Amino acid sequence: MAWSWRYEGTDGRTVEGPAESFSSQADAESWIGQTWRELAASGVTSVALVEDDRVEYRMSLLPTAE
């Protein structure tokens, strides 16, 4: 089983991003925790954690409204 991230822009469409693959969900989540700021700065507004072809969950990279 391979884990990876799918990157999405403001319109919800897939955008280019690092083609990283991870052997575990924990490794993928650790990596996104270290790189989300750079991804957000490059225009990625949300990510989806994917195991093979199945989406585990989606997560916004936008700041929360206060």
N, C-alpha and C. Protein backbone atom coordinates (compact mmCIF):
# COMPACT_ATOMS: atom_id res chain seq x y z
N MET A 1 0.83 -1.18 0.00
CA MET A 1 0.00 0.00 0.00
C MET A 1 0.88 1.24 0.00
N ALA A 2 0.60 2.14 -0.93
CA ALA A 2 1.35 3.38 -1.02
C ALA A 2 0.46 4.56 -0.66
N TRP A 3 0.98 5.45 0.12
CA TRP A 3 0.27 6.65 0.53
C TRP A 3 0.88 7.85 -0.18
N SER A 4 0.04 8.78 -0.59
CA SER A 4 0.54 10.00 -1.24
C SER A 4 -0.47 11.12 -1.01
N TRP A 5 -0.07 12.32 -1.37
CA TRP A 5 -0.93 13.50 -1.24
C TRP A 5 -1.34 13.97 -2.62
N ARG A 6 -2.60 14.36 -2.76
CA ARG A 6 -3.08 15.02 -3.97
C ARG A 6 -3.28 16.48 -3.59
N TYR A 7 -2.82 17.38 -4.44
CA TYR A 7 -2.83 18.81 -4.15
C TYR A 7 -3.94 19.48 -4.95
N GLU A 8 -4.67 20.40 -4.32
CA GLU A 8 -5.79 21.07 -4.97
C GLU A 8 -5.66 22.57 -4.82
N GLY A 9 -6.11 23.29 -5.84
CA GLY A 9 -6.09 24.75 -5.83
C GLY A 9 -7.42 25.31 -5.36
N THR A 10 -7.58 26.62 -5.48
CA THR A 10 -8.78 27.29 -4.98
C THR A 10 -10.06 26.81 -5.65
N ASP A 11 -9.98 26.37 -6.89
CA ASP A 11 -11.17 25.90 -7.61
C ASP A 11 -11.44 24.42 -7.39
N GLY A 12 -10.63 23.77 -6.53
CA GLY A 12 -10.81 22.35 -6.24
C GLY A 12 -10.17 21.42 -7.24
N ARG A 13 -9.57 21.98 -8.26
CA ARG A 13 -8.90 21.15 -9.27
C ARG A 13 -7.51 20.75 -8.80
N THR A 14 -7.06 19.62 -9.30
CA THR A 14 -5.73 19.13 -8.95
C THR A 14 -4.67 20.07 -9.51
N VAL A 15 -3.67 20.38 -8.69
CA VAL A 15 -2.52 21.19 -9.11
C VAL A 15 -1.25 20.39 -8.89
N GLU A 16 -0.19 20.82 -9.53
CA GLU A 16 1.10 20.14 -9.41
C GLU A 16 1.69 20.34 -8.02
N GLY A 17 2.37 19.32 -7.56
CA GLY A 17 3.05 19.37 -6.27
C GLY A 17 4.09 18.27 -6.21
N PRO A 18 4.82 18.18 -5.12
CA PRO A 18 5.86 17.16 -4.98
C PRO A 18 5.27 15.75 -5.14
N ALA A 19 5.92 14.92 -5.91
CA ALA A 19 5.45 13.54 -6.15
C ALA A 19 6.09 12.61 -5.12
N GLU A 20 5.65 12.76 -3.88
CA GLU A 20 6.17 11.95 -2.78
C GLU A 20 5.28 10.73 -2.57
N SER A 21 5.89 9.60 -2.19
CA SER A 21 5.15 8.39 -1.87
C SER A 21 5.67 7.88 -0.53
N PHE A 22 4.75 7.37 0.30
CA PHE A 22 5.10 6.97 1.66
C PHE A 22 4.62 5.56 1.92
N SER A 23 5.33 4.85 2.78
CA SER A 23 4.96 3.47 3.10
C SER A 23 3.90 3.38 4.18
N SER A 24 3.64 4.49 4.87
CA SER A 24 2.62 4.47 5.92
C SER A 24 1.89 5.80 5.98
N GLN A 25 0.68 5.78 6.54
CA GLN A 25 -0.10 6.99 6.73
C GLN A 25 0.64 7.94 7.67
N ALA A 26 1.26 7.41 8.71
CA ALA A 26 1.99 8.24 9.67
C ALA A 26 3.13 8.99 9.00
N ASP A 27 3.86 8.34 8.11
CA ASP A 27 4.95 9.00 7.39
C ASP A 27 4.42 10.12 6.51
N ALA A 28 3.30 9.86 5.81
CA ALA A 28 2.70 10.88 4.95
C ALA A 28 2.25 12.08 5.77
N GLU A 29 1.62 11.83 6.91
CA GLU A 29 1.13 12.91 7.76
C GLU A 29 2.28 13.70 8.38
N SER A 30 3.35 13.04 8.73
CA SER A 30 4.51 13.74 9.27
C SER A 30 5.11 14.67 8.21
N TRP A 31 5.19 14.18 6.98
CA TRP A 31 5.75 14.98 5.89
C TRP A 31 4.90 16.21 5.63
N ILE A 32 3.57 16.04 5.57
CA ILE A 32 2.70 17.20 5.29
C ILE A 32 2.79 18.21 6.43
N GLY A 33 2.98 17.72 7.65
CA GLY A 33 3.14 18.62 8.79
C GLY A 33 4.37 19.49 8.68
N GLN A 34 5.38 19.01 7.98
CA GLN A 34 6.62 19.76 7.82
C GLN A 34 6.60 20.66 6.58
N THR A 35 5.74 20.37 5.60
CA THR A 35 5.81 21.09 4.32
C THR A 35 4.57 21.88 3.95
N TRP A 36 3.52 21.85 4.77
CA TRP A 36 2.27 22.48 4.37
C TRP A 36 2.41 23.98 4.12
N ARG A 37 3.26 24.65 4.85
CA ARG A 37 3.41 26.10 4.67
C ARG A 37 3.97 26.43 3.28
N GLU A 38 4.95 25.67 2.84
CA GLU A 38 5.52 25.88 1.51
C GLU A 38 4.50 25.57 0.43
N LEU A 39 3.72 24.51 0.64
CA LEU A 39 2.67 24.17 -0.32
C LEU A 39 1.63 25.29 -0.41
N ALA A 40 1.20 25.79 0.74
CA ALA A 40 0.21 26.87 0.76
C ALA A 40 0.77 28.12 0.07
N ALA A 41 2.04 28.42 0.28
CA ALA A 41 2.66 29.58 -0.34
C ALA A 41 2.74 29.43 -1.86
N SER A 42 2.74 28.18 -2.35
CA SER A 42 2.83 27.95 -3.80
C SER A 42 1.46 27.85 -4.46
N GLY A 43 0.37 28.07 -3.68
CA GLY A 43 -0.96 28.09 -4.26
C GLY A 43 -1.83 26.88 -3.97
N VAL A 44 -1.30 25.91 -3.23
CA VAL A 44 -2.11 24.75 -2.85
C VAL A 44 -3.03 25.18 -1.70
N THR A 45 -4.33 24.98 -1.86
CA THR A 45 -5.27 25.40 -0.82
C THR A 45 -5.81 24.24 -0.01
N SER A 46 -5.74 23.02 -0.57
CA SER A 46 -6.15 21.83 0.17
C SER A 46 -5.40 20.62 -0.34
N VAL A 47 -5.37 19.58 0.48
CA VAL A 47 -4.70 18.34 0.10
C VAL A 47 -5.62 17.17 0.43
N ALA A 48 -5.42 16.08 -0.28
CA ALA A 48 -6.16 14.85 0.00
C ALA A 48 -5.14 13.74 0.21
N LEU A 49 -5.27 13.02 1.31
CA LEU A 49 -4.40 11.88 1.58
C LEU A 49 -4.99 10.67 0.85
N VAL A 50 -4.18 10.07 -0.02
CA VAL A 50 -4.65 8.98 -0.87
C VAL A 50 -3.85 7.72 -0.59
N GLU A 51 -4.56 6.61 -0.41
CA GLU A 51 -3.93 5.29 -0.29
C GLU A 51 -4.28 4.55 -1.57
N ASP A 52 -3.28 4.30 -2.41
CA ASP A 52 -3.50 3.75 -3.74
C ASP A 52 -4.50 4.66 -4.47
N ASP A 53 -5.74 4.26 -4.70
CA ASP A 53 -6.73 5.11 -5.38
C ASP A 53 -7.83 5.61 -4.44
N ARG A 54 -7.76 5.28 -3.17
CA ARG A 54 -8.80 5.63 -2.21
C ARG A 54 -8.40 6.87 -1.41
N VAL A 55 -9.32 7.85 -1.35
CA VAL A 55 -9.07 9.06 -0.56
C VAL A 55 -9.41 8.77 0.90
N GLU A 56 -8.41 8.91 1.76
CA GLU A 56 -8.61 8.72 3.21
C GLU A 56 -9.32 9.93 3.81
N TYR A 57 -8.80 11.14 3.50
CA TYR A 57 -9.45 12.37 3.95
C TYR A 57 -8.87 13.56 3.19
N ARG A 58 -9.60 14.69 3.26
CA ARG A 58 -9.15 15.95 2.69
C ARG A 58 -8.90 16.93 3.84
N MET A 59 -8.00 17.90 3.56
CA MET A 59 -7.67 18.87 4.60
C MET A 59 -7.33 20.20 3.93
N SER A 60 -7.88 21.26 4.46
CA SER A 60 -7.60 22.62 3.96
C SER A 60 -6.24 23.07 4.49
N LEU A 61 -5.55 23.87 3.67
CA LEU A 61 -4.31 24.48 4.10
C LEU A 61 -4.50 25.98 4.35
N LEU A 62 -5.74 26.45 4.21
CA LEU A 62 -6.06 27.86 4.44
C LEU A 62 -6.19 28.14 5.92
N PRO A 63 -5.84 29.35 6.35
CA PRO A 63 -6.02 29.71 7.75
C PRO A 63 -7.49 29.70 8.12
N THR A 64 -7.78 29.36 9.34
CA THR A 64 -9.16 29.36 9.82
C THR A 64 -9.61 30.80 10.09
N ALA A 65 -10.87 31.06 9.88
CA ALA A 65 -11.42 32.39 10.17
C ALA A 65 -11.62 32.52 11.68
N GLU A 66 -11.31 33.68 12.18
CA GLU A 66 -11.46 33.90 13.63
C GLU A 66 -12.70 34.67 13.94
